[in-house]
Amino acid sequence: MGSGLLTGTWTPERVENLPPDDMRRRKPDFHGSRLARNIALADLLREIGQAHGRTAGETAIAWTLRHPAVTAAIVGGRRPAQIDEIIGAADFRLNPEEIEQLEAFLSANP
């Protein structure tokens, strides 16, 4: 889930308000253009998921598990709702057009 980045809950303001000792402050994915790209990716994951009644997190997990070389995804949760997302992703399958949308986004935004 990228330290929560792919859940669709992050904004630049939220990152700015992280405690000084939060490890995410040191991660490049939480800064500048990489943060903007990751937030846009999470928005796309949310948009795709909404069409199926799924969250951005469920969509991110389903996207990871769709790859034939991936046999499992290591995810974690701190709250019961997060566990529900993890369980919900187990039977969620993206269609080829949705996979292409995600792949096109990543190609255009490396």
C-alpha atoms as a PDB file:
ATOM      1  CA  MET A   1       0.000   0.000   0.000  1.00  0.00           C
ATOM      2  CA  GLY A   2       3.060   2.232  -0.165  1.00  0.00           C
ATOM      3  CA  SER A   3       2.905   3.330   3.499  1.00  0.00           C
ATOM      4  CA  GLY A   4      -0.704   4.259   2.892  1.00  0.00           C
ATOM      5  CA  LEU A   5      -0.111   6.277  -0.282  1.00  0.00           C
ATOM      6  CA  LEU A   6      -2.301   4.023  -2.423  1.00  0.00           C
ATOM      7  CA  THR A   7      -5.283   4.167  -0.084  1.00  0.00           C
ATOM      8  CA  GLY A   8      -6.408   7.534  -1.420  1.00  0.00           C
ATOM      9  CA  THR A   9      -6.279   9.251   1.960  1.00  0.00           C
ATOM     10  CA  TRP A  10      -3.171  11.416   1.509  1.00  0.00           C
ATOM     11  CA  THR A  11      -2.952  15.090   0.607  1.00  0.00           C
ATOM     12  CA  PRO A  12       0.059  17.427   0.566  1.00  0.00           C
ATOM     13  CA  GLU A  13      -1.380  19.082   3.680  1.00  0.00           C
ATOM     14  CA  ARG A  14      -1.567  15.779   5.531  1.00  0.00           C
ATOM     15  CA  VAL A  15       2.064  15.045   4.670  1.00  0.00           C
ATOM     16  CA  GLU A  16       3.066  18.519   5.836  1.00  0.00           C
ATOM     17  CA  ASN A  17       1.382  17.849   9.188  1.00  0.00           C
ATOM     18  CA  LEU A  18       3.184  14.572   9.869  1.00  0.00           C
ATOM     19  CA  PRO A  19       5.086  14.521  13.147  1.00  0.00           C
ATOM     20  CA  PRO A  20       8.794  15.331  12.755  1.00  0.00           C
ATOM     21  CA  ASP A  21       9.770  11.769  13.676  1.00  0.00           C
ATOM     22  CA  ASP A  22       7.377  10.047  11.239  1.00  0.00           C
ATOM     23  CA  MET A  23       9.443   7.814   8.929  1.00  0.00           C
ATOM     24  CA  ARG A  24       7.376   8.880   5.908  1.00  0.00           C
ATOM     25  CA  ARG A  25       9.005  12.320   6.099  1.00  0.00           C
ATOM     26  CA  ARG A  26      12.221  10.642   4.908  1.00  0.00           C
ATOM     27  CA  LYS A  27      10.648   8.698   2.037  1.00  0.00           C
ATOM     28  CA  PRO A  28      11.003  10.253  -1.446  1.00  0.00           C
ATOM     29  CA  ASP A  29       7.476   9.098  -2.358  1.00  0.00           C
ATOM     30  CA  PHE A  30       6.100  11.630   0.131  1.00  0.00           C
ATOM     31  CA  HIS A  31       7.797  14.664  -1.438  1.00  0.00           C
ATOM     32  CA  GLY A  32       7.448  16.951  -4.438  1.00  0.00           C
ATOM     33  CA  SER A  33       6.561  15.546  -7.832  1.00  0.00           C
ATOM     34  CA  ARG A  34       6.607  11.954  -6.562  1.00  0.00           C
ATOM     35  CA  LEU A  35       3.976  12.802  -3.965  1.00  0.00           C
ATOM     36  CA  ALA A  36       1.854  14.507  -6.626  1.00  0.00           C
ATOM     37  CA  ARG A  37       2.171  11.444  -8.892  1.00  0.00           C
ATOM     38  CA  ASN A  38       1.298   9.063  -6.068  1.00  0.00           C
ATOM     39  CA  ILE A  39      -1.764  11.082  -5.094  1.00  0.00           C
ATOM     40  CA  ALA A  40      -2.895  11.109  -8.746  1.00  0.00           C
ATOM     41  CA  LEU A  41      -2.380   7.337  -8.931  1.00  0.00           C
ATOM     42  CA  ALA A  42      -4.434   6.869  -5.762  1.00  0.00           C
ATOM     43  CA  ASP A  43      -7.166   9.042  -7.308  1.00  0.00           C
ATOM     44  CA  LEU A  44      -7.194   6.778 -10.365  1.00  0.00           C
ATOM     45  CA  LEU A  45      -7.338   3.686  -8.143  1.00  0.00           C
ATOM     46  CA  ARG A  46     -10.274   5.247  -6.271  1.00  0.00           C
ATOM     47  CA  GLU A  47     -12.067   6.088  -9.516  1.00  0.00           C
ATOM     48  CA  ILE A  48     -11.672   2.559 -10.880  1.00  0.00           C
ATOM     49  CA  GLY A  49     -12.695   1.022  -7.566  1.00  0.00           C
ATOM     50  CA  GLN A  50     -15.817   3.165  -7.206  1.00  0.00           C
ATOM     51  CA  ALA A  51     -17.231   1.660 -10.394  1.00  0.00           C
ATOM     52  CA  HIS A  52     -17.187  -1.691  -8.547  1.00  0.00           C
ATOM     53  CA  GLY A  53     -18.099  -0.475  -5.074  1.00  0.00           C
ATOM     54  CA  ARG A  54     -14.466  -0.938  -3.984  1.00  0.00           C
ATOM     55  CA  THR A  55     -11.944   1.330  -2.303  1.00  0.00           C
ATOM     56  CA  ALA A  56      -8.662   2.606  -3.687  1.00  0.00           C
ATOM     57  CA  GLY A  57      -6.890   0.188  -1.348  1.00  0.00           C
ATOM     58  CA  GLU A  58      -8.836  -2.817  -2.615  1.00  0.00           C
ATOM     59  CA  THR A  59      -8.106  -1.753  -6.172  1.00  0.00           C
ATOM     60  CA  ALA A  60      -4.384  -1.401  -5.431  1.00  0.00           C
ATOM     61  CA  ILE A  61      -4.244  -4.902  -3.965  1.00  0.00           C
ATOM     62  CA  ALA A  62      -6.248  -6.391  -6.843  1.00  0.00           C
ATOM     63  CA  TRP A  63      -3.954  -4.630  -9.324  1.00  0.00           C
ATOM     64  CA  THR A  64      -0.901  -6.138  -7.622  1.00  0.00           C
ATOM     65  CA  LEU A  65      -2.394  -9.634  -7.454  1.00  0.00           C
ATOM     66  CA  ARG A  66      -3.417  -9.632 -11.122  1.00  0.00           C
ATOM     67  CA  HIS A  67       0.201 -10.032 -12.217  1.00  0.00           C
ATOM     68  CA  PRO A  68       0.950 -13.711 -12.931  1.00  0.00           C
ATOM     69  CA  ALA A  69       4.360 -13.534 -11.239  1.00  0.00           C
ATOM     70  CA  VAL A  70       2.794 -12.336  -7.979  1.00  0.00           C
ATOM     71  CA  THR A  71       1.487 -15.084  -5.745  1.00  0.00           C
ATOM     72  CA  ALA A  72       0.785 -12.964  -2.670  1.00  0.00           C
ATOM     73  CA  ALA A  73       0.690  -9.376  -1.472  1.00  0.00           C
ATOM     74  CA  ILE A  74       2.019  -8.400   1.926  1.00  0.00           C
ATOM     75  CA  VAL A  75      -0.364  -5.843   3.364  1.00  0.00           C
ATOM     76  CA  GLY A  76      -1.167  -4.701   6.856  1.00  0.00           C
ATOM     77  CA  GLY A  77      -3.875  -2.855   8.669  1.00  0.00           C
ATOM     78  CA  ARG A  78      -4.236  -0.969  11.907  1.00  0.00           C
ATOM     79  CA  ARG A  79      -8.024  -0.678  11.988  1.00  0.00           C
ATOM     80  CA  PRO A  80     -10.838  -3.158  11.270  1.00  0.00           C
ATOM     81  CA  ALA A  81     -11.907  -1.191   8.173  1.00  0.00           C
ATOM     82  CA  GLN A  82      -8.441  -1.671   6.710  1.00  0.00           C
ATOM     83  CA  ILE A  83      -8.682  -5.418   7.277  1.00  0.00           C
ATOM     84  CA  ASP A  84     -12.046  -5.392   5.472  1.00  0.00           C
ATOM     85  CA  GLU A  85     -10.322  -3.786   2.461  1.00  0.00           C
ATOM     86  CA  ILE A  86      -7.640  -6.450   2.436  1.00  0.00           C
ATOM     87  CA  ILE A  87     -10.209  -9.241   2.576  1.00  0.00           C
ATOM     88  CA  GLY A  88     -12.400  -7.513  -0.032  1.00  0.00           C
ATOM     89  CA  ALA A  89      -9.526  -7.392  -2.504  1.00  0.00           C
ATOM     90  CA  ALA A  90      -9.125 -11.176  -2.510  1.00  0.00           C
ATOM     91  CA  ASP A  91     -11.988 -11.754  -4.946  1.00  0.00           C
ATOM     92  CA  PHE A  92     -11.823  -8.461  -6.883  1.00  0.00           C
ATOM     93  CA  ARG A  93     -10.601  -8.688 -10.480  1.00  0.00           C
ATOM     94  CA  LEU A  94      -9.813  -5.712 -12.694  1.00  0.00           C
ATOM     95  CA  ASN A  95     -10.889  -5.879 -16.305  1.00  0.00           C
ATOM     96  CA  PRO A  96      -8.353  -5.444 -19.130  1.00  0.00           C
ATOM     97  CA  GLU A  97      -9.376  -1.821 -19.758  1.00  0.00           C
ATOM     98  CA  GLU A  98      -8.798  -0.899 -16.111  1.00  0.00           C
ATOM     99  CA  ILE A  99      -5.405  -2.575 -16.102  1.00  0.00           C
ATOM    100  CA  GLU A 100      -4.527  -0.645 -19.269  1.00  0.00           C
ATOM    101  CA  GLN A 101      -5.603   2.632 -17.604  1.00  0.00           C
ATOM    102  CA  LEU A 102      -3.240   1.974 -14.708  1.00  0.00           C
ATOM    103  CA  GLU A 103      -0.373   0.845 -16.920  1.00  0.00           C
ATOM    104  CA  ALA A 104      -0.825   3.899 -19.176  1.00  0.00           C
ATOM    105  CA  PHE A 105      -0.761   6.193 -16.142  1.00  0.00           C
ATOM    106  CA  LEU A 106       2.489   4.667 -14.909  1.00  0.00           C
ATOM    107  CA  SER A 107       4.064   4.819 -18.369  1.00  0.00           C
ATOM    108  CA  ALA A 108       3.188   8.505 -18.640  1.00  0.00           C
ATOM    109  CA  ASN A 109       4.236   9.241 -15.048  1.00  0.00           C
ATOM    110  CA  PRO A 110       7.367   7.198 -14.243  1.00  0.00           C
END
